[in-house]
Amino acid sequence: MKKIKDLSRLDIAELTRQLSKEKGTYLLFFEMRKPQTIRVGKLSETHFLPGFYAYVGSAFGPGGLHARLRHHLNISERNHWHLDYVRPAMHFVSLWLTEDKECREHDWAAALDAMPNSQLPVKDMGATDCQCSGHFFYFEQLPSLCEFRKMLRNRGALDAPVQVIRRYEEEAA
């Protein structure tokens, strides 16, 4: 796995330049700072609470993690994925990923779903092509990587390292 330097002080453009083009699974964390009602494509119009939202996915197409995360980290002009509908209302907080030839997004989604205080704000969001109840989760507090790894271990799914990259938005003064 390519070592990525600490990107906590870099902007999103620099962060995406540093990402590998390898294939893998990712978990994006965003913060929504005020309540909002948003229509998520054909799924539903949903009231979103302030707090933290986690979106799990995989990148096995052309450009791998670099291409997929570049799309999700920026605000899209044209909505393609469910996340594109809510992304403009959220601030990027953190990224967890693994460069791996095996798709782990369903195990990761199940681990998030099983975490204490996890909620599924929109059923099937990010998961209309699989059997998962969703790939988009709400948390009042940001979950810890240690707790996430414990949930994966309990499911027998912790056989790939999870690399953490963080970027926190600063509040405007």
Protein backbone atom coordinates (compact mmCIF):
# COMPACT_ATOMS: atom_id res chain seq x y z
CA MET A 1 0.00 0.00 0.00
CA LYS A 2 1.32 3.40 -0.99
CA LYS A 3 1.98 5.59 2.05
CA ILE A 4 -0.04 8.81 1.82
CA LYS A 5 1.33 11.79 3.66
CA ASP A 6 -0.77 13.53 6.30
CA LEU A 7 -3.31 15.54 4.35
CA SER A 8 -5.07 17.14 7.31
CA ARG A 9 -3.98 20.64 6.32
CA LEU A 10 -4.39 20.35 2.56
CA ASP A 11 -7.37 21.29 0.47
CA ILE A 12 -9.54 18.76 -1.34
CA ALA A 13 -7.77 19.30 -4.69
CA GLU A 14 -4.41 18.44 -3.09
CA LEU A 15 -5.94 15.50 -1.23
CA THR A 16 -7.29 13.97 -4.43
CA ARG A 17 -3.93 14.44 -6.19
CA GLN A 18 -2.33 12.32 -3.46
CA LEU A 19 -4.80 9.45 -3.75
CA SER A 20 -3.75 6.22 -5.37
CA LYS A 21 -5.26 4.95 -8.63
CA GLU A 22 -5.36 1.50 -7.05
CA LYS A 23 -8.66 -0.21 -6.50
CA GLY A 24 -10.16 -0.37 -3.04
CA THR A 25 -12.89 0.38 -0.53
CA TYR A 26 -13.48 3.74 1.12
CA LEU A 27 -15.48 5.35 3.89
CA LEU A 28 -16.14 9.07 3.70
CA PHE A 29 -17.27 11.12 6.69
CA PHE A 30 -19.07 14.41 6.30
CA GLU A 31 -20.61 16.87 8.73
CA MET A 32 -23.98 18.51 8.19
CA ARG A 33 -24.11 21.60 10.37
CA LYS A 34 -27.79 22.52 10.12
CA PRO A 35 -30.98 20.56 9.51
CA GLN A 36 -32.06 20.31 5.88
CA THR A 37 -34.69 18.57 3.79
CA ILE A 38 -33.23 17.10 0.60
CA ARG A 39 -34.67 14.91 -2.16
CA VAL A 40 -32.28 12.00 -2.75
CA GLY A 41 -32.90 11.10 -6.37
CA LYS A 42 -35.81 8.68 -6.74
CA LEU A 43 -35.45 7.36 -3.18
CA SER A 44 -37.21 9.98 -1.06
CA GLU A 45 -37.31 13.49 0.29
CA THR A 46 -35.61 13.25 3.68
CA HIS A 47 -35.08 15.54 6.64
CA PHE A 48 -31.39 15.37 7.59
CA LEU A 49 -30.31 16.25 11.12
CA PRO A 50 -27.11 18.07 12.02
CA GLY A 51 -24.34 15.58 12.74
CA PHE A 52 -21.98 13.23 10.97
CA TYR A 53 -22.73 11.12 7.93
CA ALA A 54 -20.70 8.17 6.69
CA TYR A 55 -20.79 6.94 3.10
CA VAL A 56 -19.15 3.62 2.24
CA GLY A 57 -18.29 2.56 -1.29
CA SER A 58 -15.75 0.84 -3.48
CA ALA A 59 -13.70 1.92 -6.44
CA PHE A 60 -12.96 -0.85 -8.92
CA GLY A 61 -13.49 1.05 -12.16
CA PRO A 62 -11.01 3.05 -14.25
CA GLY A 63 -8.92 5.38 -12.09
CA GLY A 64 -9.67 3.42 -8.92
CA LEU A 65 -9.81 5.28 -5.62
CA HIS A 66 -8.42 8.46 -7.14
CA ALA A 67 -11.23 8.86 -9.69
CA ARG A 68 -14.13 7.87 -7.44
CA LEU A 69 -13.00 9.92 -4.44
CA ARG A 70 -12.21 12.94 -6.60
CA HIS A 71 -15.86 12.83 -7.67
CA HIS A 72 -17.26 12.38 -4.15
CA LEU A 73 -15.01 14.95 -2.48
CA ASN A 74 -16.01 17.68 -4.89
CA ILE A 75 -19.49 19.08 -5.45
CA SER A 76 -20.86 17.54 -8.64
CA GLU A 77 -22.67 19.70 -11.18
CA ARG A 78 -24.66 16.66 -12.35
CA ASN A 79 -26.04 14.16 -9.86
CA HIS A 80 -25.00 10.61 -10.65
CA TRP A 81 -24.71 8.80 -7.30
CA HIS A 82 -27.08 9.20 -4.35
CA LEU A 83 -24.35 11.00 -2.42
CA ASP A 84 -24.31 13.74 -5.08
CA TYR A 85 -27.74 14.93 -3.92
CA VAL A 86 -26.68 15.58 -0.31
CA ARG A 87 -22.99 16.40 -0.82
CA PRO A 88 -23.51 20.18 -1.29
CA ALA A 89 -25.06 20.37 2.20
CA MET A 90 -22.11 18.67 3.93
CA HIS A 91 -18.49 19.42 4.79
CA PHE A 92 -15.83 16.74 4.31
CA VAL A 93 -14.36 15.56 7.61
CA SER A 94 -12.47 12.29 7.17
CA LEU A 95 -11.61 9.44 4.82
CA TRP A 96 -10.84 5.83 5.73
CA LEU A 97 -9.72 3.53 2.94
CA THR A 98 -7.99 0.34 1.98
CA GLU A 99 -6.18 -0.41 -1.28
CA ASP A 100 -7.28 -3.93 -1.91
CA LYS A 101 -8.36 -6.11 -4.82
CA GLU A 102 -11.28 -7.45 -2.75
CA CYS A 103 -14.50 -5.42 -2.50
CA ARG A 104 -15.18 -4.79 1.18
CA GLU A 105 -17.97 -2.22 0.98
CA HIS A 106 -20.74 -4.62 2.05
CA ASP A 107 -18.78 -5.81 5.12
CA TRP A 108 -17.99 -2.19 5.96
CA ALA A 109 -21.65 -1.17 5.55
CA ALA A 110 -22.73 -4.05 7.81
CA ALA A 111 -20.14 -3.00 10.40
CA LEU A 112 -21.37 0.61 10.33
CA ASP A 113 -24.98 -0.54 10.58
CA ALA A 114 -24.10 -2.60 13.69
CA MET A 115 -22.28 0.24 15.46
CA PRO A 116 -23.96 1.77 18.51
CA ASN A 117 -25.91 4.94 17.69
CA SER A 118 -25.77 4.29 13.94
CA GLN A 119 -28.88 5.30 12.01
CA LEU A 120 -29.89 4.79 8.40
CA PRO A 121 -31.41 8.12 7.29
CA VAL A 122 -32.41 6.90 3.80
CA LYS A 123 -33.10 3.22 3.17
CA ASP A 124 -31.15 1.85 0.18
CA MET A 125 -29.05 5.03 -0.23
CA GLY A 126 -25.90 3.98 -2.06
CA ALA A 127 -27.10 0.37 -2.05
CA THR A 128 -29.78 -0.02 -4.72
CA ASP A 129 -27.55 -2.55 -6.50
CA CYS A 130 -26.99 -4.87 -3.50
CA GLN A 131 -28.71 -6.52 -0.54
CA CYS A 132 -27.47 -4.02 2.07
CA SER A 133 -30.04 -1.82 3.81
CA GLY A 134 -27.91 1.19 2.87
CA HIS A 135 -24.40 2.56 2.52
CA PHE A 136 -25.10 5.98 4.09
CA PHE A 137 -25.25 6.30 7.89
CA TYR A 138 -25.91 9.01 10.45
CA PHE A 139 -24.02 9.48 13.73
CA GLU A 140 -24.43 12.22 16.33
CA GLN A 141 -20.72 11.81 17.14
CA LEU A 142 -17.96 10.78 14.75
CA PRO A 143 -17.25 7.05 15.23
CA SER A 144 -13.73 5.96 16.11
CA LEU A 145 -11.53 3.89 13.84
CA CYS A 146 -10.84 1.57 16.79
CA GLU A 147 -14.57 0.88 17.20
CA PHE A 148 -14.97 0.34 13.45
CA ARG A 149 -12.08 -2.14 13.36
CA LYS A 150 -13.63 -3.96 16.34
CA MET A 151 -16.92 -4.30 14.45
CA LEU A 152 -15.06 -5.65 11.39
CA ARG A 153 -13.13 -8.08 13.58
CA ASN A 154 -16.38 -9.30 15.18
CA ARG A 155 -17.72 -9.98 11.69
CA GLY A 156 -14.52 -11.79 10.65
CA ALA A 157 -13.87 -9.10 8.07
CA LEU A 158 -10.71 -7.40 9.34
CA ASP A 159 -8.18 -8.88 6.95
CA ALA A 160 -7.08 -5.69 5.19
CA PRO A 161 -5.41 -2.64 6.72
CA VAL A 162 -7.53 0.50 6.95
CA GLN A 163 -5.59 3.68 6.25
CA VAL A 164 -6.91 6.92 7.71
CA ILE A 165 -6.72 10.33 6.08
CA ARG A 166 -8.32 13.26 7.84
CA ARG A 167 -9.25 16.76 6.80
CA TYR A 168 -11.26 18.97 9.08
CA GLU A 169 -13.07 22.07 7.91
CA GLU A 170 -12.43 25.13 10.00
CA GLU A 171 -15.37 27.19 11.22
CA ALA A 172 -15.47 30.63 9.65
CA ALA A 173 -14.82 33.32 12.27
